[in-house]
Amino acid sequence: MDQSLDTIASMRFQESSAYVKADWMPMIPLHLQSAAIVDMDCRTKMCAWFVQVVDFCKFRRETVEIALSYLDRFLLSPQGADARVDRSLYQLASMTALYTAVKIHEAEAMDPNLVSKLSRGAYAPYEIEEMERILLTGLQWRVNPPTTMSFVRELMNLIPQEAMDLETRNALLDVTKFQIELTVGRVELFLAPASLVALAALQNSLSSLPIDDQLSDYISYVFSNALQWNSSDAAVMSVQDVMFEAVTQSSNDPAILRPCERNHLTNKGECRSPPDQSPRSISAI
């Protein structure tokens, strides 16, 4: 337990310093903002494409969150200045962020030739490799952001073994993970720290499962104390509402509720076929 508390404290420090979230939109010159060169709609479209690719290639949804961290922090850097105002460069940076996140955090890497194919030929393999160099320079090689699920995993370790049976523990983790994966990349959570999103998802899960009220309150207190967030804060409850709404809406879309059942991988990092949509669509917005 002490080790998990130390890990959580370290991750909280990281997310408020080297990996802090900030809005890059105000960095776009006003005369270009009016033309909506790159906006949140572009980010939303790229995130949807990220999800499609990782599901198709049987990667983890957590890698989408990591790729978005790369992309958003890159746009805050001097190296990302051109990508903030050029949709083609933004798209290339986005695809490269996913390519790099997969390379570092997944067991299987994506070949640059595959990424080029997924772009429908918009970018050559050498352009992706060159953008990766620029991306990593902009990130100052900070490529291990604390993710929402990394907080959840450590928080779960704080629940005493004797307090919760394995079945309930697994259910709590599954429901929490489902909410997080469903809302990754949502505009409403753009600036929300991963620790806050983790607490909100766990709070929703605790209230939705048949857990004794006294135990639920105790666990909520432990989580809040470890994260130094107040579970009754408006910020936490606002994220809870976003997640609840997403889960409610997903009930009308069975495809969202079911994980990808087929194994789409053939050779290392190679998909059987590309996703249905290409991110090239953002260039035509």
C-alpha atoms as a PDB file:
ATOM      1  CA  MET A   1       0.000   0.000   0.000  1.00  0.00           C
ATOM      2  CA  ASP A   2       2.792   2.424   0.888  1.00  0.00           C
ATOM      3  CA  GLN A   3       4.448   1.764  -2.447  1.00  0.00           C
ATOM      4  CA  SER A   4       1.222   2.551  -4.301  1.00  0.00           C
ATOM      5  CA  LEU A   5       0.796   5.766  -2.324  1.00  0.00           C
ATOM      6  CA  ASP A   6       4.338   6.804  -3.231  1.00  0.00           C
ATOM      7  CA  THR A   7       3.701   5.936  -6.888  1.00  0.00           C
ATOM      8  CA  ILE A   8       0.465   7.939  -6.923  1.00  0.00           C
ATOM      9  CA  ALA A   9       2.209  10.938  -5.352  1.00  0.00           C
ATOM     10  CA  SER A  10       4.946  10.717  -7.978  1.00  0.00           C
ATOM     11  CA  MET A  11       2.432  10.506 -10.836  1.00  0.00           C
ATOM     12  CA  ARG A  12       0.478  13.439  -9.431  1.00  0.00           C
ATOM     13  CA  PHE A  13       3.670  15.486  -9.434  1.00  0.00           C
ATOM     14  CA  GLN A  14       4.418  14.450 -13.009  1.00  0.00           C
ATOM     15  CA  GLU A  15       0.968  15.378 -14.313  1.00  0.00           C
ATOM     16  CA  SER A  16       1.219  18.810 -12.724  1.00  0.00           C
ATOM     17  CA  SER A  17       4.720  19.526 -14.028  1.00  0.00           C
ATOM     18  CA  ALA A  18       6.391  17.818 -17.005  1.00  0.00           C
ATOM     19  CA  TYR A  19       3.125  16.338 -18.303  1.00  0.00           C
ATOM     20  CA  VAL A  20       0.757  19.146 -17.394  1.00  0.00           C
ATOM     21  CA  LYS A  21      -2.194  19.701 -19.740  1.00  0.00           C
ATOM     22  CA  ALA A  22      -2.686  23.110 -21.323  1.00  0.00           C
ATOM     23  CA  ASP A  23      -4.763  24.613 -24.113  1.00  0.00           C
ATOM     24  CA  TRP A  24      -2.770  25.205 -27.303  1.00  0.00           C
ATOM     25  CA  MET A  25      -5.646  26.962 -29.107  1.00  0.00           C
ATOM     26  CA  PRO A  26      -4.805  30.451 -27.707  1.00  0.00           C
ATOM     27  CA  MET A  27      -1.322  30.058 -29.213  1.00  0.00           C
ATOM     28  CA  ILE A  28      -2.824  30.239 -32.722  1.00  0.00           C
ATOM     29  CA  PRO A  29      -2.718  33.840 -34.047  1.00  0.00           C
ATOM     30  CA  LEU A  30      -6.113  35.519 -33.923  1.00  0.00           C
ATOM     31  CA  HIS A  31      -6.315  36.095 -37.668  1.00  0.00           C
ATOM     32  CA  LEU A  32      -5.839  32.350 -38.181  1.00  0.00           C
ATOM     33  CA  GLN A  33      -8.222  31.304 -35.418  1.00  0.00           C
ATOM     34  CA  SER A  34     -11.051  32.926 -37.321  1.00  0.00           C
ATOM     35  CA  ALA A  35     -10.270  30.666 -40.261  1.00  0.00           C
ATOM     36  CA  ALA A  36     -10.351  27.608 -37.956  1.00  0.00           C
ATOM     37  CA  ILE A  37      -7.132  26.230 -39.443  1.00  0.00           C
ATOM     38  CA  VAL A  38      -6.747  23.650 -36.657  1.00  0.00           C
ATOM     39  CA  ASP A  39      -9.405  23.300 -33.990  1.00  0.00           C
ATOM     40  CA  MET A  40     -10.936  20.880 -31.521  1.00  0.00           C
ATOM     41  CA  ASP A  41     -12.960  19.268 -34.280  1.00  0.00           C
ATOM     42  CA  CYS A  42      -9.692  18.211 -35.928  1.00  0.00           C
ATOM     43  CA  ARG A  43      -8.548  16.705 -32.623  1.00  0.00           C
ATOM     44  CA  THR A  44     -11.840  14.863 -32.198  1.00  0.00           C
ATOM     45  CA  LYS A  45     -11.605  13.381 -35.692  1.00  0.00           C
ATOM     46  CA  MET A  46      -8.016  12.243 -35.159  1.00  0.00           C
ATOM     47  CA  CYS A  47      -8.905  10.720 -31.787  1.00  0.00           C
ATOM     48  CA  ALA A  48     -11.739   8.749 -33.394  1.00  0.00           C
ATOM     49  CA  TRP A  49      -9.274   7.500 -35.978  1.00  0.00           C
ATOM     50  CA  PHE A  50      -6.795   6.561 -33.227  1.00  0.00           C
ATOM     51  CA  VAL A  51      -9.483   4.453 -31.564  1.00  0.00           C
ATOM     52  CA  GLN A  52     -10.345   2.782 -34.841  1.00  0.00           C
ATOM     53  CA  VAL A  53      -6.707   1.887 -35.508  1.00  0.00           C
ATOM     54  CA  VAL A  54      -5.912   0.563 -32.021  1.00  0.00           C
ATOM     55  CA  ASP A  55      -9.084  -1.529 -31.971  1.00  0.00           C
ATOM     56  CA  PHE A  56      -8.342  -2.892 -35.425  1.00  0.00           C
ATOM     57  CA  CYS A  57      -4.758  -3.742 -34.509  1.00  0.00           C
ATOM     58  CA  LYS A  58      -5.699  -5.091 -31.051  1.00  0.00           C
ATOM     59  CA  PHE A  59      -3.721  -2.459 -29.181  1.00  0.00           C
ATOM     60  CA  ARG A  60      -4.882  -0.940 -25.901  1.00  0.00           C
ATOM     61  CA  ARG A  61      -7.193   2.077 -25.720  1.00  0.00           C
ATOM     62  CA  GLU A  62      -4.771   3.429 -23.113  1.00  0.00           C
ATOM     63  CA  THR A  63      -2.323   3.977 -25.978  1.00  0.00           C
ATOM     64  CA  VAL A  64      -4.803   6.440 -27.500  1.00  0.00           C
ATOM     65  CA  GLU A  65      -4.593   8.546 -24.343  1.00  0.00           C
ATOM     66  CA  ILE A  66      -0.796   8.445 -24.512  1.00  0.00           C
ATOM     67  CA  ALA A  67      -0.804   9.455 -28.183  1.00  0.00           C
ATOM     68  CA  LEU A  68      -3.105  12.402 -27.410  1.00  0.00           C
ATOM     69  CA  SER A  69      -0.740  13.462 -24.635  1.00  0.00           C
ATOM     70  CA  TYR A  70       2.111  13.452 -27.137  1.00  0.00           C
ATOM     71  CA  LEU A  71       0.092  15.420 -29.672  1.00  0.00           C
ATOM     72  CA  ASP A  72      -1.264  18.062 -27.290  1.00  0.00           C
ATOM     73  CA  ARG A  73       2.096  18.672 -25.620  1.00  0.00           C
ATOM     74  CA  PHE A  74       3.854  18.801 -28.987  1.00  0.00           C
ATOM     75  CA  LEU A  75       1.486  21.555 -30.108  1.00  0.00           C
ATOM     76  CA  LEU A  76       2.531  23.567 -27.041  1.00  0.00           C
ATOM     77  CA  SER A  77       6.194  23.361 -28.055  1.00  0.00           C
ATOM     78  CA  PRO A  78       8.118  25.591 -30.487  1.00  0.00           C
ATOM     79  CA  GLN A  79       8.531  22.550 -32.746  1.00  0.00           C
ATOM     80  CA  GLY A  80       4.742  22.233 -32.985  1.00  0.00           C
ATOM     81  CA  ALA A  81       4.092  25.820 -34.081  1.00  0.00           C
ATOM     82  CA  ASP A  82       3.584  24.971 -37.767  1.00  0.00           C
ATOM     83  CA  ALA A  83       1.294  22.046 -36.946  1.00  0.00           C
ATOM     84  CA  ARG A  84      -0.980  24.403 -35.005  1.00  0.00           C
ATOM     85  CA  VAL A  85      -1.846  26.311 -38.170  1.00  0.00           C
ATOM     86  CA  ASP A  86      -1.511  23.709 -40.929  1.00  0.00           C
ATOM     87  CA  ARG A  87      -4.021  20.864 -41.014  1.00  0.00           C
ATOM     88  CA  SER A  88      -1.802  18.675 -43.159  1.00  0.00           C
ATOM     89  CA  LEU A  89       1.080  18.982 -40.677  1.00  0.00           C
ATOM     90  CA  TYR A  90      -1.348  18.535 -37.783  1.00  0.00           C
ATOM     91  CA  GLN A  91      -2.579  15.315 -39.345  1.00  0.00           C
ATOM     92  CA  LEU A  92       0.982  14.082 -39.902  1.00  0.00           C
ATOM     93  CA  ALA A  93       1.896  14.958 -36.306  1.00  0.00           C
ATOM     94  CA  SER A  94      -1.219  13.145 -35.074  1.00  0.00           C
ATOM     95  CA  MET A  95      -0.476   9.954 -36.982  1.00  0.00           C
ATOM     96  CA  THR A  96       3.149  10.102 -35.856  1.00  0.00           C
ATOM     97  CA  ALA A  97       2.066  10.529 -32.232  1.00  0.00           C
ATOM     98  CA  LEU A  98       0.090   7.294 -32.443  1.00  0.00           C
ATOM     99  CA  TYR A  99       2.918   5.545 -34.297  1.00  0.00           C
ATOM    100  CA  THR A 100       5.385   6.596 -31.570  1.00  0.00           C
ATOM    101  CA  ALA A 101       3.058   5.726 -28.685  1.00  0.00           C
ATOM    102  CA  VAL A 102       2.539   2.244 -30.114  1.00  0.00           C
ATOM    103  CA  LYS A 103       6.280   1.769 -30.616  1.00  0.00           C
ATOM    104  CA  ILE A 104       7.040   2.658 -26.986  1.00  0.00           C
ATOM    105  CA  HIS A 105       4.059   1.274 -25.098  1.00  0.00           C
ATOM    106  CA  GLU A 106       2.838  -1.745 -27.067  1.00  0.00           C
ATOM    107  CA  ALA A 107       4.469  -5.134 -27.532  1.00  0.00           C
ATOM    108  CA  GLU A 108       4.059  -4.811 -31.307  1.00  0.00           C
ATOM    109  CA  ALA A 109       5.367  -1.885 -33.343  1.00  0.00           C
ATOM    110  CA  MET A 110       3.754  -0.343 -36.410  1.00  0.00           C
ATOM    111  CA  ASP A 111       5.944  -0.215 -39.485  1.00  0.00           C
ATOM    112  CA  PRO A 112       6.221   3.271 -41.065  1.00  0.00           C
ATOM    113  CA  ASN A 113       5.071   1.707 -44.331  1.00  0.00           C
ATOM    114  CA  LEU A 114       1.862   0.612 -42.611  1.00  0.00           C
ATOM    115  CA  VAL A 115       1.258   4.119 -41.251  1.00  0.00           C
ATOM    116  CA  SER A 116       1.820   5.473 -44.761  1.00  0.00           C
ATOM    117  CA  LYS A 117      -0.782   3.030 -46.094  1.00  0.00           C
ATOM    118  CA  LEU A 118      -3.218   4.043 -43.371  1.00  0.00           C
ATOM    119  CA  SER A 119      -2.851   7.638 -44.529  1.00  0.00           C
ATOM    120  CA  ARG A 120      -3.966   6.481 -47.986  1.00  0.00           C
ATOM    121  CA  GLY A 121      -0.609   7.617 -49.344  1.00  0.00           C
ATOM    122  CA  ALA A 122      -0.831  11.156 -47.948  1.00  0.00           C
ATOM    123  CA  TYR A 123       2.527  10.724 -46.210  1.00  0.00           C
ATOM    124  CA  ALA A 124       5.582   8.692 -47.150  1.00  0.00           C
ATOM    125  CA  PRO A 125       7.350   6.507 -44.565  1.00  0.00           C
ATOM    126  CA  TYR A 126      10.325   8.890 -44.429  1.00  0.00           C
ATOM    127  CA  GLU A 127       7.986  11.801 -43.581  1.00  0.00           C
ATOM    128  CA  ILE A 128       6.620   9.863 -40.629  1.00  0.00           C
ATOM    129  CA  GLU A 129      10.105   9.023 -39.376  1.00  0.00           C
ATOM    130  CA  GLU A 130      11.242  12.629 -39.746  1.00  0.00           C
ATOM    131  CA  MET A 131       8.141  13.893 -37.932  1.00  0.00           C
ATOM    132  CA  GLU A 132       8.843  11.418 -35.135  1.00  0.00           C
ATOM    133  CA  ARG A 133      12.262  13.050 -34.627  1.00  0.00           C
ATOM    134  CA  ILE A 134      10.642  16.498 -34.503  1.00  0.00           C
ATOM    135  CA  LEU A 135       7.886  15.252 -32.202  1.00  0.00           C
ATOM    136  CA  LEU A 136      10.296  13.711 -29.698  1.00  0.00           C
ATOM    137  CA  THR A 137      12.406  16.872 -29.705  1.00  0.00           C
ATOM    138  CA  GLY A 138       9.313  18.944 -28.971  1.00  0.00           C
ATOM    139  CA  LEU A 139       8.364  16.568 -26.157  1.00  0.00           C
ATOM    140  CA  GLN A 140      11.920  16.662 -24.805  1.00  0.00           C
ATOM    141  CA  TRP A 141      11.678  12.862 -24.889  1.00  0.00           C
ATOM    142  CA  ARG A 142       9.066  12.850 -22.143  1.00  0.00           C
ATOM    143  CA  VAL A 143       7.129   9.859 -23.419  1.00  0.00           C
ATOM    144  CA  ASN A 144       5.711   8.222 -20.289  1.00  0.00           C
ATOM    145  CA  PRO A 145       2.734  10.314 -19.184  1.00  0.00           C
ATOM    146  CA  PRO A 146       0.757   9.063 -16.200  1.00  0.00           C
ATOM    147  CA  THR A 147      -2.461   7.754 -17.728  1.00  0.00           C
ATOM    148  CA  THR A 148      -5.923   7.535 -16.229  1.00  0.00           C
ATOM    149  CA  MET A 149      -5.724   3.743 -16.025  1.00  0.00           C
ATOM    150  CA  SER A 150      -2.289   3.884 -14.409  1.00  0.00           C
ATOM    151  CA  PHE A 151      -3.877   5.878 -11.581  1.00  0.00           C
ATOM    152  CA  VAL A 152      -6.778   3.427 -11.404  1.00  0.00           C
ATOM    153  CA  ARG A 153      -4.454   0.426 -11.120  1.00  0.00           C
ATOM    154  CA  GLU A 154      -2.531   1.988  -8.253  1.00  0.00           C
ATOM    155  CA  LEU A 155      -5.714   3.102  -6.493  1.00  0.00           C
ATOM    156  CA  MET A 156      -7.116  -0.418  -6.687  1.00  0.00           C
ATOM    157  CA  ASN A 157      -4.092  -1.589  -4.699  1.00  0.00           C
ATOM    158  CA  LEU A 158      -5.257   0.613  -1.817  1.00  0.00           C
ATOM    159  CA  ILE A 159      -8.400  -1.457  -1.274  1.00  0.00           C
ATOM    160  CA  PRO A 160      -7.633  -3.996   1.501  1.00  0.00           C
ATOM    161  CA  GLN A 161      -7.778  -7.566   0.219  1.00  0.00           C
ATOM    162  CA  GLU A 162     -10.167  -8.598   2.979  1.00  0.00           C
ATOM    163  CA  ALA A 163     -12.542  -5.710   2.268  1.00  0.00           C
ATOM    164  CA  MET A 164     -13.580  -6.773  -1.230  1.00  0.00           C
ATOM    165  CA  ASP A 165     -13.856 -10.166  -2.917  1.00  0.00           C
ATOM    166  CA  LEU A 166     -12.118 -10.796  -6.239  1.00  0.00           C
ATOM    167  CA  GLU A 167     -15.326 -10.802  -8.285  1.00  0.00           C
ATOM    168  CA  THR A 168     -16.391  -7.383  -7.012  1.00  0.00           C
ATOM    169  CA  ARG A 169     -12.867  -6.047  -7.390  1.00  0.00           C
ATOM    170  CA  ASN A 170     -12.751  -7.171 -11.028  1.00  0.00           C
ATOM    171  CA  ALA A 171     -16.194  -5.697 -11.675  1.00  0.00           C
ATOM    172  CA  LEU A 172     -15.090  -2.366 -10.203  1.00  0.00           C
ATOM    173  CA  LEU A 173     -12.032  -2.341 -12.452  1.00  0.00           C
ATOM    174  CA  ASP A 174     -13.985  -3.360 -15.565  1.00  0.00           C
ATOM    175  CA  VAL A 175     -16.727  -0.752 -15.147  1.00  0.00           C
ATOM    176  CA  THR A 176     -14.137   1.932 -14.476  1.00  0.00           C
ATOM    177  CA  LYS A 177     -12.039   0.951 -17.492  1.00  0.00           C
ATOM    178  CA  PHE A 178     -15.129   0.938 -19.702  1.00  0.00           C
ATOM    179  CA  GLN A 179     -15.978   4.532 -18.785  1.00  0.00           C
ATOM    180  CA  ILE A 180     -12.417   5.715 -19.331  1.00  0.00           C
ATOM    181  CA  GLU A 181     -12.090   4.041 -22.710  1.00  0.00           C
ATOM    182  CA  LEU A 182     -15.476   5.357 -23.793  1.00  0.00           C
ATOM    183  CA  THR A 183     -14.573   8.972 -23.035  1.00  0.00           C
ATOM    184  CA  VAL A 184     -10.925   9.087 -24.130  1.00  0.00           C
ATOM    185  CA  GLY A 185     -10.340  12.217 -26.190  1.00  0.00           C
ATOM    186  CA  ARG A 186     -13.649  13.854 -25.290  1.00  0.00           C
ATOM    187  CA  VAL A 187     -13.445  17.627 -25.677  1.00  0.00           C
ATOM    188  CA  GLU A 188     -15.049  18.101 -22.256  1.00  0.00           C
ATOM    189  CA  LEU A 189     -12.108  16.264 -20.662  1.00  0.00           C
ATOM    190  CA  PHE A 190      -9.423  17.979 -22.746  1.00  0.00           C
ATOM    191  CA  LEU A 191      -7.784  19.701 -19.764  1.00  0.00           C
ATOM    192  CA  ALA A 192      -8.916  17.336 -17.008  1.00  0.00           C
ATOM    193  CA  PRO A 193      -5.950  15.734 -15.203  1.00  0.00           C
ATOM    194  CA  ALA A 194      -5.796  11.959 -15.515  1.00  0.00           C
ATOM    195  CA  SER A 195      -5.996  11.590 -11.721  1.00  0.00           C
ATOM    196  CA  LEU A 196      -9.259  13.544 -11.604  1.00  0.00           C
ATOM    197  CA  VAL A 197     -10.759  11.472 -14.428  1.00  0.00           C
ATOM    198  CA  ALA A 198      -9.684   8.297 -12.628  1.00  0.00           C
ATOM    199  CA  LEU A 199     -11.402   9.382  -9.421  1.00  0.00           C
ATOM    200  CA  ALA A 200     -14.584  10.367 -11.263  1.00  0.00           C
ATOM    201  CA  ALA A 201     -14.767   7.018 -13.058  1.00  0.00           C
ATOM    202  CA  LEU A 202     -14.180   5.101  -9.830  1.00  0.00           C
ATOM    203  CA  GLN A 203     -16.832   7.155  -8.039  1.00  0.00           C
ATOM    204  CA  ASN A 204     -19.350   6.269 -10.736  1.00  0.00           C
ATOM    205  CA  SER A 205     -18.372   2.606 -10.528  1.00  0.00           C
ATOM    206  CA  LEU A 206     -18.676   2.492  -6.762  1.00  0.00           C
ATOM    207  CA  SER A 207     -22.187   3.915  -6.947  1.00  0.00           C
ATOM    208  CA  SER A 208     -23.264   1.519  -9.701  1.00  0.00           C
ATOM    209  CA  LEU A 209     -22.123  -1.735  -8.095  1.00  0.00           C
ATOM    210  CA  PRO A 210     -23.763  -3.585  -5.179  1.00  0.00           C
ATOM    211  CA  ILE A 211     -21.186  -2.449  -2.633  1.00  0.00           C
ATOM    212  CA  ASP A 212     -22.020  -1.719   0.998  1.00  0.00           C
ATOM    213  CA  ASP A 213     -22.470   2.028   1.529  1.00  0.00           C
ATOM    214  CA  GLN A 214     -20.040   2.136   4.430  1.00  0.00           C
ATOM    215  CA  LEU A 215     -17.354   0.328   2.429  1.00  0.00           C
ATOM    216  CA  SER A 216     -18.034   2.500  -0.607  1.00  0.00           C
ATOM    217  CA  ASP A 217     -17.639   5.671   1.463  1.00  0.00           C
ATOM    218  CA  TYR A 218     -14.425   4.359   2.984  1.00  0.00           C
ATOM    219  CA  ILE A 219     -12.934   3.486  -0.420  1.00  0.00           C
ATOM    220  CA  SER A 220     -13.961   6.865  -1.803  1.00  0.00           C
ATOM    221  CA  TYR A 221     -12.219   8.556   1.127  1.00  0.00           C
ATOM    222  CA  VAL A 222      -9.044   6.514   0.575  1.00  0.00           C
ATOM    223  CA  PHE A 223      -8.988   7.339  -3.123  1.00  0.00           C
ATOM    224  CA  SER A 224      -9.639  11.049  -2.579  1.00  0.00           C
ATOM    225  CA  ASN A 225      -6.996  11.284   0.117  1.00  0.00           C
ATOM    226  CA  ALA A 226      -4.394   9.514  -2.017  1.00  0.00           C
ATOM    227  CA  LEU A 227      -5.056  11.766  -5.009  1.00  0.00           C
ATOM    228  CA  GLN A 228      -5.576  14.955  -3.013  1.00  0.00           C
ATOM    229  CA  TRP A 229      -8.865  15.549  -4.793  1.00  0.00           C
ATOM    230  CA  ASN A 230     -12.162  16.139  -3.015  1.00  0.00           C
ATOM    231  CA  SER A 231     -14.725  13.730  -4.452  1.00  0.00           C
ATOM    232  CA  SER A 232     -17.459  16.309  -3.894  1.00  0.00           C
ATOM    233  CA  ASP A 233     -15.665  18.994  -5.895  1.00  0.00           C
ATOM    234  CA  ALA A 234     -17.607  20.393  -8.830  1.00  0.00           C
ATOM    235  CA  ALA A 235     -14.756  19.415 -11.173  1.00  0.00           C
ATOM    236  CA  VAL A 236     -14.991  15.761 -10.161  1.00  0.00           C
ATOM    237  CA  MET A 237     -18.778  15.684 -10.419  1.00  0.00           C
ATOM    238  CA  SER A 238     -18.657  17.373 -13.817  1.00  0.00           C
ATOM    239  CA  VAL A 239     -16.421  14.597 -15.159  1.00  0.00           C
ATOM    240  CA  GLN A 240     -18.734  12.023 -13.581  1.00  0.00           C
ATOM    241  CA  ASP A 241     -21.627  13.556 -15.506  1.00  0.00           C
ATOM    242  CA  VAL A 242     -19.693  13.421 -18.794  1.00  0.00           C
ATOM    243  CA  MET A 243     -18.931   9.752 -18.240  1.00  0.00           C
ATOM    244  CA  PHE A 244     -22.467   8.892 -17.195  1.00  0.00           C
ATOM    245  CA  GLU A 245     -23.845  10.594 -20.285  1.00  0.00           C
ATOM    246  CA  ALA A 246     -21.351   8.725 -22.513  1.00  0.00           C
ATOM    247  CA  VAL A 247     -22.317   5.373 -21.028  1.00  0.00           C
ATOM    248  CA  THR A 248     -26.012   6.180 -21.400  1.00  0.00           C
ATOM    249  CA  GLN A 249     -25.551   7.134 -25.053  1.00  0.00           C
ATOM    250  CA  SER A 250     -23.447   4.057 -25.744  1.00  0.00           C
ATOM    251  CA  SER A 251     -26.359   1.806 -24.863  1.00  0.00           C
ATOM    252  CA  ASN A 252     -27.867   2.825 -28.207  1.00  0.00           C
ATOM    253  CA  ASP A 253     -24.713   1.805 -30.047  1.00  0.00           C
ATOM    254  CA  PRO A 254     -23.916  -1.890 -29.476  1.00  0.00           C
ATOM    255  CA  ALA A 255     -20.651  -1.579 -31.417  1.00  0.00           C
ATOM    256  CA  ILE A 256     -19.262   0.678 -28.678  1.00  0.00           C
ATOM    257  CA  LEU A 257     -20.149  -1.802 -25.951  1.00  0.00           C
ATOM    258  CA  ARG A 258     -18.412  -4.765 -27.540  1.00  0.00           C
ATOM    259  CA  PRO A 259     -14.635  -5.026 -27.760  1.00  0.00           C
ATOM    260  CA  CYS A 260     -13.161  -6.021 -31.099  1.00  0.00           C
ATOM    261  CA  GLU A 261     -13.491  -9.809 -31.192  1.00  0.00           C
ATOM    262  CA  ARG A 262     -11.345 -10.694 -34.149  1.00  0.00           C
ATOM    263  CA  ASN A 263      -7.566 -10.682 -34.153  1.00  0.00           C
ATOM    264  CA  HIS A 264      -6.688  -8.271 -36.936  1.00  0.00           C
ATOM    265  CA  LEU A 265      -2.942  -8.725 -36.608  1.00  0.00           C
ATOM    266  CA  THR A 266      -1.027 -10.840 -39.078  1.00  0.00           C
ATOM    267  CA  ASN A 267       2.667 -10.058 -38.997  1.00  0.00           C
ATOM    268  CA  LYS A 268       4.207  -7.816 -36.347  1.00  0.00           C
ATOM    269  CA  GLY A 269       2.343  -4.531 -36.239  1.00  0.00           C
ATOM    270  CA  GLU A 270       0.539  -5.171 -39.518  1.00  0.00           C
ATOM    271  CA  CYS A 271      -3.248  -4.927 -39.823  1.00  0.00           C
ATOM    272  CA  ARG A 272      -5.181  -7.232 -42.128  1.00  0.00           C
ATOM    273  CA  SER A 273      -6.794  -4.210 -43.754  1.00  0.00           C
ATOM    274  CA  PRO A 274      -6.862  -0.469 -43.047  1.00  0.00           C
ATOM    275  CA  PRO A 275      -9.606   1.165 -40.993  1.00  0.00           C
ATOM    276  CA  ASP A 276     -12.695   2.244 -42.892  1.00  0.00           C
ATOM    277  CA  GLN A 277     -11.920   5.948 -42.600  1.00  0.00           C
ATOM    278  CA  SER A 278      -8.724   7.816 -43.283  1.00  0.00           C
ATOM    279  CA  PRO A 279      -7.711  10.820 -41.165  1.00  0.00           C
ATOM    280  CA  ARG A 280      -7.257  12.626 -44.467  1.00  0.00           C
ATOM    281  CA  SER A 281     -10.850  13.726 -43.927  1.00  0.00           C
ATOM    282  CA  ILE A 282      -9.732  16.497 -41.573  1.00  0.00           C
ATOM    283  CA  SER A 283      -8.124  18.274 -44.503  1.00  0.00           C
ATOM    284  CA  ALA A 284     -11.538  18.680 -46.072  1.00  0.00           C
ATOM    285  CA  ILE A 285     -13.330  20.125 -43.064  1.00  0.00           C
END
